[in-house]
Amino acid sequence: MAGTPTHTVTNQPPPLVGYDVFTADRALVEAVDRYTGADVLDEVRAELSALGRAAGSAQLHEWAVQADENPPRLHTHDRYGHRVDEVEFHPAWHRLLGKGVSAGLTGAWSRPSGHVRRAAGFLVWTQVEAGTCCPLSMTHAAVPALRADPGLAAEWEPRLASTVYDRELRPAGQKPGALFGMGMTEKQGGSDVRANTTRALPLAEPGRYLLTGHKWFCSAPMSDAFLVLAQAPGGLTCFLVPRVLPDGSRNVFLVQRLKDKLGNRSNASAEVEFDGTWARRVGEEGRGVRTIIGMVAATRLDCALGSAGLMRQAVAQAVHHCTHREAFGGKLADKPLMRNVLADLALESEAATALALRLAAAWDDDGEEARAFLRLAVPAAKYWITKRCAPVAVEAAECLGGNGYVEESGLPRLVRESPLNSIWEGAGNVQALDVLRALQRAPGALDACLAEIGRAHGADHRLDRAVKDLFTELADLDGIEGRARRLVERLALVLQGSLLVRHAPSEVADAFCASRLGGDHGASFGTLPAGLDLESVVDRARPEF
């Protein structure tokens, strides 16, 4: 009953809503300032702040919950028995996806400082509802693959960069904007795409084919077109499969079922069958992997950005809760042990943000050294940042205690989402092997990474020692595949350490180097050594609103 003393609510933190997710993230703001051209910086700041206010609003929080609680539904046939293969989404999901499109999260390739501004926006948007990030990522990432065919790029790129979301299934040429999906993996191959069995039969018209086969994972099946791999007479080849043909008829795109996933539940991942499906070749026959690898690299960066965003939201929620919650005679955030946990989590989040934004800046650079840097740094960052996401999310939930185990807190949704990016676009072993491949086939890649790391030489003795240890790993090539994860972890950590030593406040860099590079750290969060300024680290991570 109202007024009953046992129902008086005290010692509960206010909801973390009604704030600017972008400007409240000091590490992200500083990275954007660092890498954005001065001529567009004010514009970019205003753009990201507007997105940040939307991301932190109570309205979008409500839509995110609705989208997650009402996953997509597959309709294979209409009421008359005609095959339609349509996926129905909750209206909240369409609202969120539309806002992501209108914020420019699919259009980075032709704007000044486009990749940095888009990466920062993607990191912010992931904190709302990560399920909408999959189609946004693939639409953005399809551009480098399409550029293998200038005609296709000229036709499709303006649609993909559009800020207008049109959910209707109709010919892409009649729409103000379009979305892209992707289908590479098959039942028998997984990441071994060269084992794909989908066949491509050439038609009389050059560059046109009919596909027959299946895809075990086809992401965002409601999209307007898809990049897929299939075996043509000349070998594994990349193809563009439109959902609706120019005459308005539906292409053969048979959605067999939707995956019942651990997280990312608002987004649809499907199994699809091709049976005489019309497709257009992208790039040359037999060069499918080379053609689509640009898309893969871009989506791998988005995996790192997405995990950085999830970690940031988890840390923000934990710090916010502990700032307002009292226990044992004081605020939780002021208790030495809890402060150690929060600071440790904050270090992981800031290091992830620093590295992910540095990669985005390299994409804006597009010089030879930048491309070489990305060839090695992207798989290393994708491996390490995505691996760190799940333990950060779980520890952050623990900071809320039992409240963090309850759906209403939002932390369970973050926990379920947290393993996704380490699996998507090549799991950990795939990334580690890709790093080895880059070391063997792209010698300039290592030089570029070492040049980046070397910009902090002499600034911290623990970083310098960690770099020497990395050289030792690189010098011993015997059994290197079995040690690949160890090598990649060290590479990612020294990259992060170099960035933090150069750009982060001294208390952040000191704590990171002492724990991650100096070895003074336990196996769990909250084991930072004594003598560090942890209060400043936590204050920096606190979301102000």
Protein backbone atom coordinates (compact mmCIF):
# COMPACT_ATOMS: atom_id res chain seq x y z
CA MET A 1 0.00 0.00 0.00
CA ALA A 2 1.09 3.55 -0.68
CA GLY A 3 2.80 5.10 2.29
CA THR A 4 3.65 1.79 3.96
CA PRO A 5 7.09 2.22 5.60
CA THR A 6 8.37 -1.06 4.17
CA HIS A 7 7.76 0.26 0.65
CA THR A 8 9.77 3.44 1.06
CA VAL A 9 12.44 3.50 -1.66
CA THR A 10 15.86 4.72 -0.57
CA ASN A 11 19.47 4.27 -1.59
CA GLN A 12 18.66 3.54 -5.24
CA PRO A 13 20.58 5.43 -7.96
CA PRO A 14 18.61 7.51 -10.47
CA PRO A 15 18.26 6.02 -13.97
CA LEU A 16 21.19 6.78 -16.24
CA VAL A 17 19.09 8.57 -18.87
CA GLY A 18 18.76 12.13 -20.08
CA TYR A 19 22.45 12.67 -20.77
CA ASP A 20 24.77 13.05 -23.76
CA VAL A 21 26.45 9.69 -24.29
CA PHE A 22 29.13 11.28 -26.48
CA THR A 23 30.22 14.29 -24.42
CA ALA A 24 30.06 12.22 -21.22
CA ASP A 25 32.80 9.97 -22.62
CA ARG A 26 35.98 12.00 -22.20
CA ALA A 27 38.24 9.45 -23.84
CA LEU A 28 36.03 9.38 -26.93
CA VAL A 29 35.73 13.17 -27.16
CA GLU A 30 39.51 13.55 -26.92
CA ALA A 31 40.06 10.93 -29.63
CA VAL A 32 37.62 12.70 -31.95
CA ASP A 33 39.36 16.03 -31.31
CA ARG A 34 42.72 14.40 -31.95
CA TYR A 35 41.89 12.83 -35.29
CA THR A 36 39.32 15.16 -36.84
CA GLY A 37 40.30 17.86 -39.30
CA ALA A 38 40.15 21.36 -37.80
CA ASP A 39 37.93 22.59 -40.64
CA VAL A 40 35.11 20.19 -39.71
CA LEU A 41 35.71 19.67 -35.98
CA ASP A 42 32.90 21.94 -34.79
CA GLU A 43 30.50 20.27 -37.22
CA VAL A 44 31.55 16.79 -36.10
CA ARG A 45 31.27 17.67 -32.42
CA ALA A 46 27.75 19.04 -32.91
CA GLU A 47 26.74 16.00 -34.97
CA LEU A 48 28.03 13.53 -32.39
CA SER A 49 26.57 15.46 -29.47
CA ALA A 50 23.14 15.38 -31.12
CA LEU A 51 23.48 11.63 -31.57
CA GLY A 52 24.75 11.32 -27.99
CA ARG A 53 21.71 13.15 -26.59
CA ALA A 54 19.41 10.89 -28.55
CA ALA A 55 21.33 7.79 -27.39
CA GLY A 56 21.01 8.87 -23.77
CA SER A 57 17.32 9.71 -23.92
CA ALA A 58 14.62 7.84 -22.04
CA GLN A 59 12.65 7.45 -25.30
CA LEU A 60 15.39 5.54 -27.10
CA HIS A 61 16.08 3.47 -24.01
CA GLU A 62 12.42 2.41 -24.10
CA TRP A 63 12.63 1.57 -27.82
CA ALA A 64 15.76 -0.50 -27.21
CA VAL A 65 14.01 -2.59 -24.58
CA GLN A 66 11.00 -3.08 -26.86
CA ALA A 67 13.19 -4.16 -29.78
CA ASP A 68 15.10 -6.63 -27.64
CA GLU A 69 11.98 -8.09 -26.03
CA ASN A 70 10.21 -8.51 -29.41
CA PRO A 71 12.64 -10.32 -31.72
CA PRO A 72 12.00 -10.56 -35.48
CA ARG A 73 9.58 -13.11 -36.89
CA LEU A 74 9.86 -14.96 -40.19
CA HIS A 75 6.94 -15.19 -42.62
CA THR A 76 7.80 -17.66 -45.38
CA HIS A 77 4.38 -17.55 -47.08
CA ASP A 78 1.45 -15.18 -47.35
CA ARG A 79 -2.12 -16.14 -46.51
CA TYR A 80 -2.66 -17.51 -50.03
CA GLY A 81 0.37 -19.79 -49.99
CA HIS A 82 2.70 -17.61 -52.04
CA ARG A 83 6.33 -17.60 -50.98
CA VAL A 84 7.26 -14.16 -49.56
CA ASP A 85 10.25 -14.79 -47.25
CA GLU A 86 9.76 -11.63 -45.24
CA VAL A 87 11.06 -10.82 -41.77
CA GLU A 88 8.84 -8.77 -39.50
CA PHE A 89 10.51 -6.45 -36.98
CA HIS A 90 9.04 -4.58 -34.05
CA PRO A 91 8.32 -0.90 -34.89
CA ALA A 92 10.87 0.17 -32.27
CA TRP A 93 13.61 -1.62 -34.20
CA HIS A 94 12.71 0.29 -37.37
CA ARG A 95 12.75 3.57 -35.43
CA LEU A 96 16.20 2.84 -34.05
CA LEU A 97 17.60 1.68 -37.38
CA GLY A 98 16.16 4.75 -39.07
CA LYS A 99 17.88 7.00 -36.56
CA GLY A 100 21.17 5.21 -37.12
CA VAL A 101 20.87 5.71 -40.88
CA SER A 102 19.89 9.36 -40.52
CA ALA A 103 22.92 9.91 -38.27
CA GLY A 104 25.24 8.96 -41.15
CA LEU A 105 26.39 5.63 -39.74
CA THR A 106 26.44 4.09 -43.23
CA GLY A 107 28.24 6.97 -44.95
CA ALA A 108 31.91 7.34 -44.08
CA TRP A 109 33.78 6.91 -47.32
CA SER A 110 33.28 10.30 -48.98
CA ARG A 111 33.01 12.73 -46.04
CA PRO A 112 35.89 14.69 -44.51
CA SER A 113 37.17 12.83 -41.42
CA GLY A 114 34.39 10.42 -42.36
CA HIS A 115 35.73 7.31 -40.69
CA VAL A 116 36.53 8.96 -37.36
CA ARG A 117 33.17 10.70 -37.08
CA ARG A 118 31.34 7.58 -38.17
CA ALA A 119 33.39 5.34 -35.81
CA ALA A 120 32.62 7.60 -32.85
CA GLY A 121 28.94 7.61 -33.78
CA PHE A 122 28.93 3.82 -34.12
CA LEU A 123 30.54 3.48 -30.68
CA VAL A 124 27.84 5.75 -29.23
CA TRP A 125 25.02 3.99 -31.05
CA THR A 126 26.10 0.52 -29.92
CA GLN A 127 25.25 1.64 -26.39
CA VAL A 128 21.56 2.01 -27.31
CA GLU A 129 20.73 -1.36 -28.88
CA ALA A 130 23.47 -3.25 -30.68
CA GLY A 131 21.03 -5.24 -32.81
CA THR A 132 20.63 -2.36 -35.25
CA CYS A 133 24.39 -2.06 -35.68
CA CYS A 134 24.70 -5.17 -37.86
CA PRO A 135 22.90 -3.75 -40.93
CA LEU A 136 24.52 -0.35 -40.36
CA SER A 137 27.94 -1.97 -40.30
CA MET A 138 27.48 -4.13 -43.38
CA THR A 139 25.98 -1.30 -45.42
CA HIS A 140 28.96 0.88 -44.58
CA ALA A 141 31.45 -1.93 -45.14
CA ALA A 142 30.08 -3.02 -48.54
CA VAL A 143 31.56 0.05 -50.25
CA PRO A 144 35.21 -1.11 -50.63
CA ALA A 145 34.06 -4.43 -52.09
CA LEU A 146 31.71 -2.73 -54.56
CA ARG A 147 34.54 -0.47 -55.70
CA ALA A 148 36.09 -3.51 -57.37
CA ASP A 149 33.49 -2.78 -60.06
CA PRO A 150 33.30 0.99 -60.76
CA GLY A 151 29.93 0.62 -62.44
CA LEU A 152 28.43 -1.14 -59.45
CA ALA A 153 29.98 1.36 -57.08
CA ALA A 154 28.55 4.30 -59.00
CA GLU A 155 25.11 2.69 -58.92
CA TRP A 156 25.02 1.55 -55.30
CA GLU A 157 27.31 3.77 -53.24
CA PRO A 158 24.98 6.81 -53.17
CA ARG A 159 22.17 4.56 -51.93
CA LEU A 160 24.31 3.09 -49.17
CA ALA A 161 25.56 6.50 -48.00
CA SER A 162 22.03 7.91 -47.91
CA THR A 163 20.63 9.23 -44.64
CA VAL A 164 17.11 8.12 -45.58
CA TYR A 165 15.82 4.80 -44.27
CA ASP A 166 13.26 3.07 -46.48
CA ARG A 167 12.08 -0.25 -45.04
CA GLU A 168 9.99 -1.34 -48.05
CA LEU A 169 11.06 -4.26 -50.23
CA ARG A 170 11.08 -2.80 -53.73
CA PRO A 171 13.67 -2.25 -56.47
CA ALA A 172 16.67 -0.46 -55.00
CA GLY A 173 16.68 1.99 -57.90
CA GLN A 174 13.31 3.29 -56.72
CA LYS A 175 14.43 3.86 -53.12
CA PRO A 176 16.12 6.91 -51.57
CA GLY A 177 18.42 4.67 -49.56
CA ALA A 178 19.37 1.00 -49.34
CA LEU A 179 20.86 -1.46 -46.86
CA PHE A 180 23.32 -4.29 -47.47
CA GLY A 181 23.72 -7.71 -45.89
CA MET A 182 26.29 -10.43 -46.33
CA GLY A 183 26.37 -14.21 -46.68
CA MET A 184 29.68 -16.07 -46.68
CA THR A 185 29.60 -18.98 -44.23
CA GLU A 186 28.07 -22.34 -45.07
CA LYS A 187 27.23 -25.42 -43.03
CA GLN A 188 30.31 -27.39 -43.97
CA GLY A 189 32.89 -24.61 -43.89
CA GLY A 190 32.28 -21.88 -41.35
CA SER A 191 35.26 -19.53 -41.60
CA ASP A 192 36.81 -21.80 -44.27
CA VAL A 193 34.96 -20.00 -47.07
CA ARG A 194 37.05 -21.68 -49.76
CA ALA A 195 35.10 -24.85 -48.92
CA ASN A 196 31.86 -23.16 -50.01
CA THR A 197 29.65 -25.29 -52.25
CA THR A 198 27.20 -22.68 -53.59
CA ARG A 199 27.48 -22.76 -57.39
CA ALA A 200 27.31 -19.85 -59.84
CA LEU A 201 26.13 -20.59 -63.40
CA PRO A 202 27.09 -17.89 -65.94
CA LEU A 203 24.30 -16.40 -68.06
CA ALA A 204 24.60 -15.07 -71.59
CA GLU A 205 24.80 -11.49 -70.36
CA PRO A 206 28.36 -10.80 -69.12
CA GLY A 207 28.75 -10.62 -65.37
CA ARG A 208 25.34 -12.16 -64.64
CA TYR A 209 24.86 -15.56 -62.99
CA LEU A 210 22.34 -17.85 -61.35
CA LEU A 211 23.27 -19.11 -57.88
CA THR A 212 22.30 -22.43 -56.31
CA GLY A 213 23.24 -23.31 -52.76
CA HIS A 214 22.82 -22.26 -49.16
CA LYS A 215 24.20 -19.87 -46.55
CA TRP A 216 24.33 -20.98 -42.92
CA PHE A 217 24.54 -17.40 -41.66
CA CYS A 218 23.06 -14.57 -43.67
CA SER A 219 22.98 -11.38 -41.65
CA ALA A 220 20.15 -8.86 -41.88
CA PRO A 221 17.96 -10.80 -44.36
CA MET A 222 15.59 -7.83 -44.77
CA SER A 223 18.30 -5.89 -46.62
CA ASP A 224 18.03 -4.66 -50.21
CA ALA A 225 21.09 -6.55 -51.44
CA PHE A 226 23.76 -8.95 -50.25
CA LEU A 227 27.38 -9.69 -50.98
CA VAL A 228 27.89 -13.46 -51.15
CA LEU A 229 30.57 -15.90 -52.19
CA ALA A 230 29.97 -18.75 -54.64
CA GLN A 231 31.95 -21.10 -56.85
CA ALA A 232 32.01 -19.84 -60.45
CA PRO A 233 33.78 -21.69 -63.27
CA GLY A 234 36.89 -19.65 -62.49
CA GLY A 235 36.81 -20.32 -58.74
CA LEU A 236 35.42 -18.66 -55.63
CA THR A 237 33.85 -15.36 -56.65
CA CYS A 238 32.04 -12.45 -55.03
CA PHE A 239 28.48 -11.65 -56.14
CA LEU A 240 25.85 -9.02 -55.49
CA VAL A 241 22.41 -10.56 -54.89
CA PRO A 242 19.55 -8.03 -55.00
CA ARG A 243 16.50 -8.83 -52.89
CA VAL A 244 14.12 -7.37 -55.48
CA LEU A 245 14.86 -7.38 -59.21
CA PRO A 246 14.61 -4.20 -61.31
CA ASP A 247 11.22 -5.27 -62.75
CA GLY A 248 9.76 -5.43 -59.23
CA SER A 249 9.71 -9.23 -58.94
CA ARG A 250 11.27 -10.90 -55.92
CA ASN A 251 14.61 -12.60 -56.44
CA VAL A 252 14.78 -16.23 -55.30
CA PHE A 253 15.85 -15.75 -51.69
CA LEU A 254 14.41 -18.53 -49.57
CA VAL A 255 14.68 -17.79 -45.85
CA GLN A 256 14.56 -21.19 -44.17
CA ARG A 257 14.70 -20.06 -40.55
CA LEU A 258 16.01 -17.38 -38.21
CA LYS A 259 18.71 -18.22 -35.69
CA ASP A 260 17.73 -18.29 -32.02
CA LYS A 261 20.74 -16.40 -30.64
CA LEU A 262 22.20 -15.80 -27.20
CA GLY A 263 22.18 -12.03 -27.67
CA ASN A 264 21.69 -9.58 -30.51
CA ARG A 265 18.11 -10.75 -30.42
CA SER A 266 16.51 -7.72 -32.04
CA ASN A 267 18.51 -8.40 -35.22
CA ALA A 268 17.75 -11.23 -37.64
CA SER A 269 20.36 -13.79 -38.70
CA ALA A 270 19.05 -16.31 -41.17
CA GLU A 271 19.69 -19.50 -43.07
CA VAL A 272 18.89 -18.91 -46.74
CA GLU A 273 18.70 -21.02 -49.87
CA PHE A 274 19.49 -19.93 -53.42
CA ASP A 275 17.73 -21.82 -56.21
CA GLY A 276 18.38 -20.10 -59.51
CA THR A 277 18.95 -16.81 -57.74
CA TRP A 278 19.97 -13.94 -60.02
CA ALA A 279 23.32 -12.35 -59.14
CA ARG A 280 25.82 -9.92 -60.54
CA ARG A 281 29.53 -10.60 -60.31
CA VAL A 282 31.68 -8.22 -58.24
CA GLY A 283 35.32 -8.26 -59.27
CA GLU A 284 36.95 -11.05 -61.22
CA GLU A 285 36.11 -14.73 -61.18
CA GLY A 286 38.25 -16.66 -58.75
CA ARG A 287 39.13 -13.58 -56.71
CA GLY A 288 36.16 -13.59 -54.37
CA VAL A 289 38.11 -13.49 -51.12
CA ARG A 290 40.32 -10.67 -52.37
CA THR A 291 37.24 -8.73 -53.47
CA ILE A 292 35.25 -9.11 -50.28
CA ILE A 293 38.21 -8.71 -47.89
CA GLY A 294 37.75 -4.94 -47.80
CA MET A 295 34.25 -5.46 -46.45
CA VAL A 296 35.54 -7.97 -43.93
CA ALA A 297 38.24 -5.58 -42.69
CA ALA A 298 35.71 -2.78 -42.24
CA THR A 299 33.28 -5.00 -40.34
CA ARG A 300 36.12 -6.26 -38.16
CA LEU A 301 36.86 -2.69 -37.12
CA ASP A 302 33.16 -2.33 -36.33
CA CYS A 303 33.42 -5.41 -34.11
CA ALA A 304 36.15 -3.64 -32.16
CA LEU A 305 34.13 -0.41 -32.06
CA GLY A 306 31.00 -2.28 -31.01
CA SER A 307 32.82 -4.01 -28.17
CA ALA A 308 34.36 -0.70 -27.11
CA GLY A 309 30.86 0.78 -27.02
CA LEU A 310 29.45 -2.09 -24.98
CA MET A 311 32.34 -1.81 -22.52
CA ARG A 312 31.86 1.93 -22.24
CA GLN A 313 28.14 1.53 -21.45
CA ALA A 314 28.85 -1.23 -18.92
CA VAL A 315 31.47 0.91 -17.17
CA ALA A 316 29.23 3.98 -17.24
CA GLN A 317 26.43 2.02 -15.60
CA ALA A 318 28.76 0.57 -12.95
CA VAL A 319 30.39 3.91 -12.07
CA HIS A 320 27.01 5.65 -12.03
CA HIS A 321 25.51 3.05 -9.71
CA CYS A 322 28.45 3.08 -7.33
CA THR A 323 28.53 6.88 -7.26
CA HIS A 324 24.99 7.00 -5.88
CA ARG A 325 24.73 3.74 -3.94
CA GLU A 326 25.73 3.74 -0.25
CA ALA A 327 26.96 0.75 1.75
CA PHE A 328 28.92 0.30 4.96
CA GLY A 329 28.77 3.98 5.82
CA GLY A 330 29.67 5.63 2.52
CA LYS A 331 29.37 5.74 -1.26
CA LEU A 332 30.42 2.52 -2.96
CA ALA A 333 32.66 4.41 -5.38
CA ASP A 334 34.64 5.79 -2.43
CA LYS A 335 35.39 2.35 -0.99
CA PRO A 336 39.01 1.41 -1.83
CA LEU A 337 38.20 -2.07 -3.11
CA MET A 338 35.28 -0.98 -5.28
CA ARG A 339 37.32 1.95 -6.56
CA ASN A 340 39.99 -0.53 -7.65
CA VAL A 341 37.40 -2.55 -9.57
CA LEU A 342 35.88 0.52 -11.25
CA ALA A 343 39.27 1.93 -12.20
CA ASP A 344 40.35 -1.42 -13.65
CA LEU A 345 37.21 -1.57 -15.78
CA ALA A 346 37.66 2.04 -16.85
CA LEU A 347 41.21 1.32 -18.04
CA GLU A 348 39.98 -1.52 -20.25
CA SER A 349 37.27 0.67 -21.73
CA GLU A 350 39.53 3.63 -22.45
CA ALA A 351 42.26 1.48 -23.99
CA ALA A 352 39.69 -0.10 -26.32
CA THR A 353 38.35 3.30 -27.37
CA ALA A 354 41.82 4.71 -27.98
CA LEU A 355 42.87 1.84 -30.25
CA ALA A 356 39.59 1.61 -32.17
CA LEU A 357 39.57 5.35 -32.97
CA ARG A 358 43.21 5.22 -34.01
CA LEU A 359 42.30 2.58 -36.57
CA ALA A 360 39.45 4.72 -37.87
CA ALA A 361 41.86 7.63 -38.27
CA ALA A 362 44.17 5.40 -40.31
CA TRP A 363 41.26 4.67 -42.65
CA ASP A 364 40.80 8.41 -43.16
CA ASP A 365 44.53 8.73 -43.91
CA ASP A 366 44.46 6.09 -46.69
CA GLY A 367 48.19 6.47 -47.35
CA GLU A 368 50.45 3.50 -47.99
CA GLU A 369 51.77 3.41 -44.41
CA ALA A 370 48.24 3.73 -43.00
CA ARG A 371 47.04 0.80 -45.10
CA ALA A 372 50.01 -1.27 -43.98
CA PHE A 373 49.27 -0.38 -40.35
CA LEU A 374 45.63 -1.43 -40.73
CA ARG A 375 46.58 -4.77 -42.30
CA LEU A 376 48.15 -5.90 -39.02
CA ALA A 377 46.45 -3.71 -36.42
CA VAL A 378 42.85 -4.47 -37.41
CA PRO A 379 42.93 -8.25 -36.75
CA ALA A 380 45.02 -7.69 -33.61
CA ALA A 381 42.57 -5.10 -32.27
CA LYS A 382 39.56 -7.14 -33.29
CA TYR A 383 40.99 -10.13 -31.45
CA TRP A 384 41.88 -8.37 -28.21
CA ILE A 385 39.17 -5.75 -27.77
CA THR A 386 36.35 -8.18 -28.47
CA LYS A 387 37.89 -10.74 -26.11
CA ARG A 388 37.89 -8.21 -23.26
CA CYS A 389 34.24 -7.24 -23.68
CA ALA A 390 32.57 -10.20 -21.97
CA PRO A 391 34.59 -10.11 -18.73
CA VAL A 392 34.08 -6.33 -18.51
CA ALA A 393 30.31 -6.67 -18.93
CA VAL A 394 30.07 -9.44 -16.33
CA GLU A 395 32.19 -7.55 -13.79
CA ALA A 396 30.18 -4.38 -14.34
CA ALA A 397 26.97 -6.31 -13.66
CA GLU A 398 28.51 -7.57 -10.44
CA CYS A 399 29.17 -3.97 -9.38
CA LEU A 400 25.39 -3.53 -9.30
CA GLY A 401 25.00 -6.67 -7.22
CA GLY A 402 21.64 -8.38 -7.52
CA ASN A 403 20.28 -5.33 -9.34
CA GLY A 404 22.71 -6.06 -12.17
CA TYR A 405 21.24 -9.54 -12.62
CA VAL A 406 17.76 -8.16 -13.19
CA GLU A 407 16.65 -7.40 -16.75
CA GLU A 408 15.39 -3.92 -15.87
CA SER A 409 18.95 -2.78 -15.16
CA GLY A 410 19.98 -3.34 -18.79
CA LEU A 411 23.15 -5.16 -17.75
CA PRO A 412 21.89 -8.65 -18.70
CA ARG A 413 21.35 -7.40 -22.26
CA LEU A 414 24.95 -6.14 -22.33
CA VAL A 415 26.20 -9.45 -20.93
CA ARG A 416 24.33 -11.45 -23.59
CA GLU A 417 25.64 -9.17 -26.32
CA SER A 418 29.23 -9.13 -25.09
CA PRO A 419 30.55 -12.37 -26.73
CA LEU A 420 29.09 -11.56 -30.15
CA ASN A 421 31.86 -9.48 -31.68
CA SER A 422 34.58 -11.98 -30.76
CA ILE A 423 32.72 -14.62 -32.80
CA TRP A 424 31.41 -12.53 -35.70
CA GLU A 425 33.65 -11.84 -38.74
CA GLY A 426 36.14 -14.49 -37.71
CA ALA A 427 36.59 -15.78 -34.16
CA GLY A 428 39.78 -15.46 -32.13
CA ASN A 429 41.84 -18.10 -33.91
CA VAL A 430 40.93 -16.67 -37.31
CA GLN A 431 42.18 -13.24 -36.23
CA ALA A 432 45.37 -14.65 -34.74
CA LEU A 433 46.11 -16.59 -37.93
CA ASP A 434 45.38 -13.48 -39.98
CA VAL A 435 48.01 -11.60 -37.97
CA LEU A 436 50.53 -14.35 -38.81
CA ARG A 437 49.51 -14.13 -42.45
CA ALA A 438 50.09 -10.38 -42.43
CA LEU A 439 53.52 -10.83 -40.85
CA GLN A 440 54.48 -13.32 -43.56
CA ARG A 441 52.96 -11.67 -46.63
CA ALA A 442 52.92 -7.94 -45.84
CA PRO A 443 56.30 -7.04 -44.33
CA GLY A 444 55.44 -3.34 -44.35
CA ALA A 445 52.62 -4.02 -41.92
CA LEU A 446 54.94 -4.85 -39.04
CA ASP A 447 57.12 -1.82 -39.78
CA ALA A 448 54.05 0.42 -39.73
CA CYS A 449 52.83 -0.99 -36.40
CA LEU A 450 56.28 -0.69 -34.85
CA ALA A 451 56.50 2.90 -36.07
CA GLU A 452 53.20 3.65 -34.35
CA ILE A 453 54.33 1.97 -31.12
CA GLY A 454 57.74 3.63 -31.32
CA ARG A 455 56.25 7.12 -31.10
CA ALA A 456 56.05 6.52 -27.33
CA HIS A 457 59.59 5.17 -27.00
CA GLY A 458 61.25 6.30 -23.79
CA ALA A 459 58.06 7.63 -22.24
CA ASP A 460 57.46 4.67 -19.91
CA HIS A 461 59.95 1.97 -18.96
CA ARG A 462 57.24 -0.69 -18.65
CA LEU A 463 56.07 -0.02 -22.21
CA ASP A 464 59.65 -0.13 -23.48
CA ARG A 465 60.19 -3.49 -21.77
CA ALA A 466 56.94 -4.87 -23.20
CA VAL A 467 58.05 -3.84 -26.68
CA LYS A 468 61.31 -5.75 -26.18
CA ASP A 469 59.28 -8.81 -25.13
CA LEU A 470 57.24 -8.43 -28.31
CA PHE A 471 60.47 -8.43 -30.36
CA THR A 472 61.48 -11.63 -28.60
CA GLU A 473 58.18 -13.27 -29.61
CA LEU A 474 58.62 -12.13 -33.20
CA ALA A 475 62.19 -13.40 -33.37
CA ASP A 476 61.22 -16.96 -32.43
CA LEU A 477 59.20 -18.36 -35.32
CA ASP A 478 59.38 -22.01 -34.25
CA GLY A 479 55.88 -23.19 -33.40
CA ILE A 480 54.58 -19.68 -33.94
CA GLU A 481 51.04 -20.84 -34.80
CA GLY A 482 50.62 -22.44 -31.39
CA ARG A 483 51.72 -19.15 -29.79
CA ALA A 484 49.73 -16.90 -32.09
CA ARG A 485 47.24 -15.76 -29.46
CA ARG A 486 50.05 -14.83 -27.08
CA LEU A 487 51.73 -12.80 -29.82
CA VAL A 488 48.56 -11.00 -30.85
CA GLU A 489 47.69 -10.15 -27.26
CA ARG A 490 51.11 -8.57 -26.74
CA LEU A 491 50.85 -6.62 -29.98
CA ALA A 492 47.44 -5.22 -29.06
CA LEU A 493 48.55 -4.32 -25.53
CA VAL A 494 51.65 -2.42 -26.64
CA LEU A 495 49.58 -0.57 -29.25
CA GLN A 496 47.13 0.43 -26.53
CA GLY A 497 49.93 1.32 -24.15
CA SER A 498 51.64 3.51 -26.73
CA LEU A 499 48.43 5.41 -27.41
CA LEU A 500 47.61 5.93 -23.74
CA VAL A 501 51.14 7.04 -22.84
CA ARG A 502 50.99 9.66 -25.59
CA HIS A 503 47.41 10.85 -25.30
CA ALA A 504 45.71 9.87 -22.02
CA PRO A 505 46.10 11.60 -18.63
CA SER A 506 49.16 10.42 -16.73
CA GLU A 507 47.10 8.59 -14.10
CA VAL A 508 45.42 6.48 -16.80
CA ALA A 509 48.66 5.71 -18.65
CA ASP A 510 50.48 4.90 -15.40
CA ALA A 511 47.79 2.48 -14.22
CA PHE A 512 47.58 0.79 -17.62
CA CYS A 513 51.32 0.31 -17.95
CA ALA A 514 51.69 -0.92 -14.37
CA SER A 515 48.95 -3.51 -14.70
CA ARG A 516 48.77 -4.55 -18.36
CA LEU A 517 52.42 -4.14 -19.33
CA GLY A 518 54.32 -4.24 -16.03
CA GLY A 519 52.68 -7.46 -14.87
CA ASP A 520 51.46 -6.02 -11.55
CA HIS A 521 47.91 -7.32 -11.91
CA GLY A 522 45.91 -10.34 -10.84
CA ALA A 523 43.71 -12.62 -12.91
CA SER A 524 40.52 -10.66 -12.19
CA PHE A 525 39.43 -7.03 -12.25
CA GLY A 526 40.05 -5.02 -9.10
CA THR A 527 43.65 -6.15 -8.65
CA LEU A 528 45.47 -2.94 -9.63
CA PRO A 529 48.64 -2.31 -7.61
CA ALA A 530 48.96 0.22 -4.81
CA GLY A 531 50.30 3.71 -5.36
CA LEU A 532 48.12 4.61 -8.38
CA ASP A 533 45.73 7.56 -8.63
CA LEU A 534 42.60 5.42 -9.01
CA GLU A 535 40.24 8.16 -7.88
CA SER A 536 41.16 10.25 -10.94
CA VAL A 537 40.74 7.25 -13.23
CA VAL A 538 37.22 6.61 -11.91
CA ASP A 539 36.29 10.30 -12.03
CA ARG A 540 37.30 10.40 -15.69
CA ALA A 541 35.00 7.48 -16.47
CA ARG A 542 31.99 8.89 -14.62
CA PRO A 543 29.13 9.88 -16.98
CA GLU A 544 28.00 13.40 -16.04
CA PHE A 545 24.36 14.28 -16.60
